[in-house]
Amino acid sequence: MTLVIEDAGDDDYTLLVTDDGAVEARKRVPYDGVRVYTTATRDLPTGRRTQSQYGLSVDEVIGRYLARADTATPRPDLAESVAQALREVRQEGDDAC
């Protein structure tokens, strides 16, 4: 279950927690796919054309989101929402075992 923390709107970034517990700020980029800032690691090397970043800390992902998204939500509120979503994802994973 992917949990959306905040969606800054069409053509803007979305902050979310994925099913596997990665925190992501992502934006659809026309003709280029999706730009992602995430805590997840990437097995394949990042291409020269992409501006996505992998293996970031949760705080770095939130920082990238705040710097790029059209949002007025303060960092502490986003951090608390992300922490709550991570707890929910972990709990769901524990319940599935």
Foldseek 3Di string as FASTA:
>chain_A
DKAWLDDLDAQFWTWIADLVGKTWIWGQDPPPGIAIEICADDPDDDDPPGPHHYNDDPLVRLVVRVVTGPDPDDPVSSVVSSVVRSVVSVVVVVVVD
